[in-house]
Amino acid sequence: MAFQIELDLSNGFNRFCLQAMPFRFSPQLLSLWRVAFVTCIWLIWSIRNRDVFEGVQISTTSAAASL
């Protein structure tokens, strides 16, 4: 089954979000997006805390791999 929604990613993340706003997702998909967003925020927060409090610097590649 294919989605009937086409979103253009070539104009950046902000434009992508504005394009996606009018669409209604199922409750399950909406929940999945919320979990993904919260997980990304948590990951950024954790990496920042490691850098500030433990002095451990993590590369972008390592941070992306931990997702």
C-alpha atoms as a PDB file:
ATOM      1  CA  MET A   1       0.000   0.000   0.000  1.00  0.00           C
ATOM      2  CA  ALA A   2       1.445   3.358  -0.989  1.00  0.00           C
ATOM      3  CA  PHE A   3       0.764   6.666   0.659  1.00  0.00           C
ATOM      4  CA  GLN A   4      -1.020   9.232  -1.470  1.00  0.00           C
ATOM      5  CA  ILE A   5       0.900  12.123   0.082  1.00  0.00           C
ATOM      6  CA  GLU A   6       3.838  13.695  -1.715  1.00  0.00           C
ATOM      7  CA  LEU A   7       5.994  16.053   0.315  1.00  0.00           C
ATOM      8  CA  ASP A   8       8.917  17.951  -1.145  1.00  0.00           C
ATOM      9  CA  LEU A   9      12.088  17.696   0.971  1.00  0.00           C
ATOM     10  CA  SER A  10      14.263  19.840  -1.299  1.00  0.00           C
ATOM     11  CA  ASN A  11      13.365  23.156   0.375  1.00  0.00           C
ATOM     12  CA  GLY A  12      14.462  22.282   3.885  1.00  0.00           C
ATOM     13  CA  PHE A  13      12.932  20.963   7.071  1.00  0.00           C
ATOM     14  CA  ASN A  14      10.851  24.056   7.888  1.00  0.00           C
ATOM     15  CA  ARG A  15       9.138  23.990   4.498  1.00  0.00           C
ATOM     16  CA  PHE A  16       8.580  20.246   4.865  1.00  0.00           C
ATOM     17  CA  CYS A  17       6.816  20.783   8.202  1.00  0.00           C
ATOM     18  CA  LEU A  18       4.628  23.513   6.749  1.00  0.00           C
ATOM     19  CA  GLN A  19       3.653  21.244   3.864  1.00  0.00           C
ATOM     20  CA  ALA A  20       2.824  18.360   6.203  1.00  0.00           C
ATOM     21  CA  MET A  21       0.618  20.369   8.573  1.00  0.00           C
ATOM     22  CA  PRO A  22      -2.692  20.086   6.652  1.00  0.00           C
ATOM     23  CA  PHE A  23      -2.529  16.279   6.487  1.00  0.00           C
ATOM     24  CA  ARG A  24      -4.229  14.150   9.119  1.00  0.00           C
ATOM     25  CA  PHE A  25      -2.403  11.035  10.223  1.00  0.00           C
ATOM     26  CA  SER A  26      -3.860   7.978  11.894  1.00  0.00           C
ATOM     27  CA  PRO A  27      -3.530   7.909  15.703  1.00  0.00           C
ATOM     28  CA  GLN A  28      -0.892   5.179  15.452  1.00  0.00           C
ATOM     29  CA  LEU A  29       1.239   7.138  12.979  1.00  0.00           C
ATOM     30  CA  LEU A  30       0.833  10.334  14.969  1.00  0.00           C
ATOM     31  CA  SER A  31       2.002   8.494  18.074  1.00  0.00           C
ATOM     32  CA  LEU A  32       5.010   7.148  16.182  1.00  0.00           C
ATOM     33  CA  TRP A  33       5.998  10.658  15.040  1.00  0.00           C
ATOM     34  CA  ARG A  34       5.682  11.969  18.585  1.00  0.00           C
ATOM     35  CA  VAL A  35       7.907   9.206  19.934  1.00  0.00           C
ATOM     36  CA  ALA A  36      10.477   9.872  17.194  1.00  0.00           C
ATOM     37  CA  PHE A  37      10.498  13.612  17.992  1.00  0.00           C
ATOM     38  CA  VAL A  38      10.838  13.079  21.749  1.00  0.00           C
ATOM     39  CA  THR A  39      13.593  10.502  21.191  1.00  0.00           C
ATOM     40  CA  CYS A  40      15.583  12.949  19.046  1.00  0.00           C
ATOM     41  CA  ILE A  41      15.229  15.699  21.664  1.00  0.00           C
ATOM     42  CA  TRP A  42      16.281  13.249  24.395  1.00  0.00           C
ATOM     43  CA  LEU A  43      19.317  12.195  22.351  1.00  0.00           C
ATOM     44  CA  ILE A  44      20.419  15.802  21.826  1.00  0.00           C
ATOM     45  CA  TRP A  45      19.951  16.481  25.549  1.00  0.00           C
ATOM     46  CA  SER A  46      21.930  13.374  26.542  1.00  0.00           C
ATOM     47  CA  ILE A  47      24.821  14.233  24.220  1.00  0.00           C
ATOM     48  CA  ARG A  48      24.889  17.783  25.530  1.00  0.00           C
ATOM     49  CA  ASN A  49      24.974  16.533  29.130  1.00  0.00           C
ATOM     50  CA  ARG A  50      27.829  14.133  28.398  1.00  0.00           C
ATOM     51  CA  ASP A  51      29.793  16.989  26.865  1.00  0.00           C
ATOM     52  CA  VAL A  52      29.089  19.475  29.657  1.00  0.00           C
ATOM     53  CA  PHE A  53      29.272  17.249  32.737  1.00  0.00           C
ATOM     54  CA  GLU A  54      31.582  14.411  31.715  1.00  0.00           C
ATOM     55  CA  GLY A  55      33.714  16.144  29.085  1.00  0.00           C
ATOM     56  CA  VAL A  56      32.956  13.395  26.545  1.00  0.00           C
ATOM     57  CA  GLN A  57      32.649  14.712  23.014  1.00  0.00           C
ATOM     58  CA  ILE A  58      30.574  12.565  20.683  1.00  0.00           C
ATOM     59  CA  SER A  59      30.826  12.795  16.914  1.00  0.00           C
ATOM     60  CA  THR A  60      27.770  13.374  14.739  1.00  0.00           C
ATOM     61  CA  THR A  61      28.180   9.939  13.205  1.00  0.00           C
ATOM     62  CA  SER A  62      28.238   8.276  16.612  1.00  0.00           C
ATOM     63  CA  ALA A  63      25.164  10.242  17.731  1.00  0.00           C
ATOM     64  CA  ALA A  64      23.250   9.253  14.595  1.00  0.00           C
ATOM     65  CA  ALA A  65      24.246   5.624  15.072  1.00  0.00           C
ATOM     66  CA  SER A  66      22.812   5.604  18.575  1.00  0.00           C
ATOM     67  CA  LEU A  67      19.354   6.317  17.177  1.00  0.00           C
END
